[in-house]
Protein backbone atom coordinates (compact mmCIF):
# COMPACT_ATOMS: atom_id res chain seq x y z
CA MET A 1 61.32 92.82 122.29
CA PHE A 2 64.93 93.90 122.68
CA ASN A 3 65.37 94.12 118.91
CA PHE A 4 62.49 96.62 119.00
CA PHE A 5 64.22 98.55 121.81
CA VAL A 6 67.45 98.67 119.80
CA ARG A 7 65.51 99.99 116.79
CA LEU A 8 63.85 102.72 118.89
CA THR A 9 67.10 103.85 120.47
CA LYS A 10 69.97 103.23 118.05
CA GLU A 11 68.24 103.32 114.68
CA LEU A 12 65.29 105.71 115.00
CA HIS A 13 66.77 107.76 117.88
CA VAL A 14 63.30 108.46 119.28
CA CYS A 15 63.81 107.52 122.93
CA HIS A 16 65.88 105.85 125.61
CA VAL A 17 64.71 102.56 127.09
CA PHE A 18 65.21 101.54 130.71
CA CYS A 19 64.62 97.94 131.65
CA LEU A 20 64.45 97.13 135.35
CA ARG A 21 64.65 93.51 136.37
CA SER A 22 65.50 91.59 139.52
CA ASP A 23 66.24 88.39 137.59
CA SER A 24 70.02 88.58 137.22
CA LEU A 25 70.14 85.55 134.89
CA PHE A 26 67.80 87.35 132.49
CA ILE A 27 69.94 90.50 132.67
CA GLU A 28 73.09 88.47 132.03
CA GLN A 29 71.49 86.88 128.97
CA VAL A 30 70.32 90.24 127.60
CA TYR A 31 73.58 92.03 128.34
CA ASN A 32 75.76 89.33 126.79
CA LYS A 33 73.72 88.89 123.60
CA GLY A 34 75.82 89.96 120.65
CA MET A 35 73.09 92.25 119.32
CA LEU A 36 73.17 94.33 122.50
CA ARG A 37 76.91 94.42 123.11
CA GLY A 38 77.96 98.06 122.98
CA ARG A 39 74.31 99.13 122.81
CA CYS A 40 73.30 98.84 126.42
CA LYS A 41 74.62 99.69 129.85
CA TYR A 42 74.18 97.68 132.99
CA PHE A 43 73.54 99.57 136.22
CA LEU A 44 73.53 97.57 139.42
CA ILE A 45 70.97 98.83 141.93
CA ASP A 46 72.12 97.06 145.05
CA ASP A 47 71.64 97.20 148.80
CA PHE A 48 73.03 100.19 150.69
CA ASP A 49 76.70 100.21 151.64
CA LYS A 50 77.32 100.34 155.38
CA GLU A 51 77.53 104.14 155.61
CA ASN A 52 74.22 104.67 153.83
CA ALA A 53 72.57 101.78 155.70
CA LEU A 54 73.41 103.47 159.02
CA LYS A 55 72.06 106.80 157.73
CA PHE A 56 68.87 105.04 156.62
CA MET A 57 68.51 103.53 160.11
CA ASP A 58 68.86 107.01 161.62
CA PHE A 59 66.19 108.36 159.29
CA LEU A 60 63.78 105.49 160.00
CA ALA A 61 64.30 105.65 163.76
CA LYS A 62 63.39 109.35 163.77
CA GLU A 63 60.42 108.90 161.40
CA ILE A 64 58.97 105.69 162.84
CA LEU A 65 60.13 105.57 166.47
CA ASN A 66 60.63 109.29 167.08
CA LYS A 67 63.97 108.53 168.74
CA GLU A 68 67.58 107.74 167.90
CA LEU A 69 69.11 104.27 167.80
CA SER A 70 72.36 103.68 169.63
CA ASN A 71 75.48 102.93 167.59
CA GLU A 72 75.43 99.41 169.07
CA ASP A 73 71.85 98.85 167.87
CA LYS A 74 72.70 100.11 164.37
CA GLU A 75 75.78 97.88 164.20
CA LEU A 76 73.68 94.93 165.37
CA ILE A 77 71.04 95.54 162.71
CA TYR A 78 73.72 95.85 160.03
CA SER A 79 75.43 92.63 161.17
CA TYR A 80 72.18 90.73 160.56
CA VAL A 81 70.58 92.37 157.53
CA GLY A 82 73.38 94.36 155.90
CA GLY A 83 72.14 97.17 153.66
CA LYS A 84 68.85 95.62 152.51
CA PRO A 85 66.32 98.49 152.89
CA GLY A 86 63.25 96.30 153.45
CA ASP A 87 64.93 94.26 156.17
CA ILE A 88 66.30 97.40 157.84
CA LYS A 89 62.84 98.96 157.85
CA TYR A 90 61.26 95.84 159.34
CA ALA A 91 63.89 95.58 162.08
CA VAL A 92 63.55 99.26 163.03
CA GLU A 93 59.73 99.09 163.07
CA GLU A 94 59.68 95.95 165.19
CA CYS A 95 62.26 97.18 167.70
CA GLY A 96 59.75 99.85 168.70
CA VAL A 97 57.64 97.14 170.37
CA LYS A 98 60.03 94.19 170.78
CA ASN A 99 63.60 93.52 171.86
CA LEU A 100 65.90 94.24 168.90
CA LYS A 101 68.03 91.10 169.35
CA ASP A 102 64.84 88.96 169.46
CA VAL A 103 63.55 90.62 166.28
CA LEU A 104 66.79 89.96 164.42
CA GLU A 105 67.07 86.37 165.68
CA SER A 106 63.49 85.75 164.58
CA MET A 107 64.28 87.08 161.11
CA LEU A 108 67.34 84.84 160.96
CA ASP A 109 65.42 81.81 162.25
CA GLU A 110 62.91 82.25 159.43
CA GLU A 111 65.69 82.40 156.85
CA ILE A 112 67.38 79.32 158.34
CA SER A 113 64.06 77.45 158.24
CA ASN A 114 63.54 78.41 154.58
CA LEU A 115 67.04 77.27 153.65
CA ASP A 116 66.69 74.05 155.64
CA THR A 117 63.39 73.23 153.90
CA PHE A 118 64.96 74.01 150.52
CA LEU A 119 67.79 71.55 151.24
CA GLU A 120 65.41 68.90 152.62
CA VAL A 121 63.42 68.92 149.38
CA LEU A 122 66.66 68.10 147.54
CA ASP A 123 66.79 64.82 149.49
CA TYR A 124 63.80 63.68 147.44
CA SER A 125 64.29 65.30 144.07
CA GLU A 126 66.90 66.28 141.53
CA PRO A 127 65.70 69.47 139.85
CA GLU A 128 66.63 70.06 136.24
CA VAL A 129 68.37 73.06 134.74
CA ILE A 130 68.37 73.55 130.98
CA ILE A 131 71.34 75.32 129.42
CA GLY A 132 71.09 75.60 125.65
CA SER A 133 69.96 72.18 124.51
CA GLU A 134 71.44 70.31 127.50
CA THR A 135 69.56 69.27 130.64
CA TYR A 136 71.43 68.95 133.92
CA ARG A 137 70.21 67.31 137.13
CA ILE A 138 71.07 69.16 140.31
CA LYS A 139 72.21 67.01 143.23
CA LYS A 140 71.97 68.07 146.87
CA ASP A 141 75.66 67.38 147.49
CA ASP A 142 76.61 69.82 144.73
CA VAL A 143 74.31 72.49 146.18
CA VAL A 144 75.68 72.05 149.70
CA LYS A 145 79.26 72.13 148.40
CA ALA A 146 78.50 75.37 146.52
CA LEU A 147 76.85 77.03 149.52
CA LYS A 148 79.74 76.08 151.80
CA LEU A 149 81.97 78.32 149.68
CA PHE A 150 80.17 81.24 151.35
CA LYS A 151 81.03 80.25 154.91
CA ASP A 152 84.10 82.50 154.93
CA LYS A 153 83.40 84.81 151.96
CA TYR A 154 80.41 86.96 151.05
CA GLU A 155 81.27 87.11 147.34
CA ILE A 156 82.98 84.63 145.02
CA SER A 157 83.66 84.20 141.30
CA LYS A 158 80.93 82.38 139.43
CA LYS A 159 83.68 80.08 138.10
CA GLU A 160 83.99 78.50 141.55
CA ILE A 161 80.55 76.86 141.20
CA PRO A 162 79.46 74.65 138.27
CA THR A 163 77.21 76.65 135.93
CA PRO A 164 74.06 74.49 136.33
CA VAL A 165 74.36 74.67 140.12
CA TYR A 166 74.75 78.44 140.34
CA ILE A 167 71.96 78.94 137.79
CA TYR A 168 69.67 76.83 139.97
CA LEU A 169 70.63 78.73 143.13
CA VAL A 170 70.12 82.09 141.42
CA LYS A 171 66.72 81.00 140.09
CA ARG A 172 65.75 79.96 143.62
CA ASN A 173 66.75 83.43 144.94
CA ILE A 174 69.44 82.07 147.21
CA LEU A 175 72.33 83.60 145.27
CA PHE A 176 72.65 86.79 143.24
CA LEU A 177 74.71 86.96 140.05
CA ASN A 178 76.49 90.13 138.98
CA PRO A 179 76.76 89.55 135.21
CA ILE A 180 79.38 92.23 134.63
CA GLU A 181 81.83 91.18 137.32
CA GLY A 182 80.96 87.47 137.06
CA THR A 183 80.49 87.22 140.81
CA LEU A 184 77.99 85.47 143.05
CA LYS A 185 76.84 86.40 146.53
CA PRO A 186 73.94 85.46 148.79
CA GLN A 187 70.69 87.35 148.10
CA SER A 188 71.00 89.06 151.47
CA TYR A 189 73.00 89.15 154.69
CA LEU A 190 70.23 87.09 156.29
CA VAL A 191 70.70 84.35 153.67
CA TRP A 192 74.47 84.56 154.23
CA LYS A 193 74.08 84.21 158.00
CA ALA A 194 71.64 81.32 157.46
CA ILE A 195 74.18 79.54 155.25
CA LYS A 196 76.89 80.00 157.88
CA ARG A 197 74.70 78.81 160.75
CA LEU A 198 73.07 75.87 158.94
CA LEU A 199 76.12 74.51 157.14
């Protein structure tokens, strides 16, 4: 498929092709293929930075709640969900009928439960990751050791975690890989807070 895209863009010059994908391992593979080096650009579409997240909260509060949020409430929301638009929207909507702290704690409790269940399953299985022609078994201890690296840092180099382990965690949507910078971070602030609380 990507050979066809290269032909359309670089050989025939008939169009530009945009490929949107949330699977960062797929994007890394496509971007790093020799045939696409120098022929494609990677644009990261990420969560809002803090400034834009706070502006988004202001907008949602006016649109949904018909009121303004206090600076303390906005800071509290950001401390739990960061700049993830979907999580911000949910928190703002729910705080119209529930206590904001309760809403955020409930969101975090759900994430902690998901992470806890994920780790419990690893007590009974060793999932496999295939890299090239090699198959690697993922052990719970290696996963826990990798996740503990995020207790004090939100972002680390992918070199700090063995490749099969980080590939498994990215495939399970626990970590996000930035293929250009070679960095890993939790999929969201909620996942990050769950890691810190659970481990």
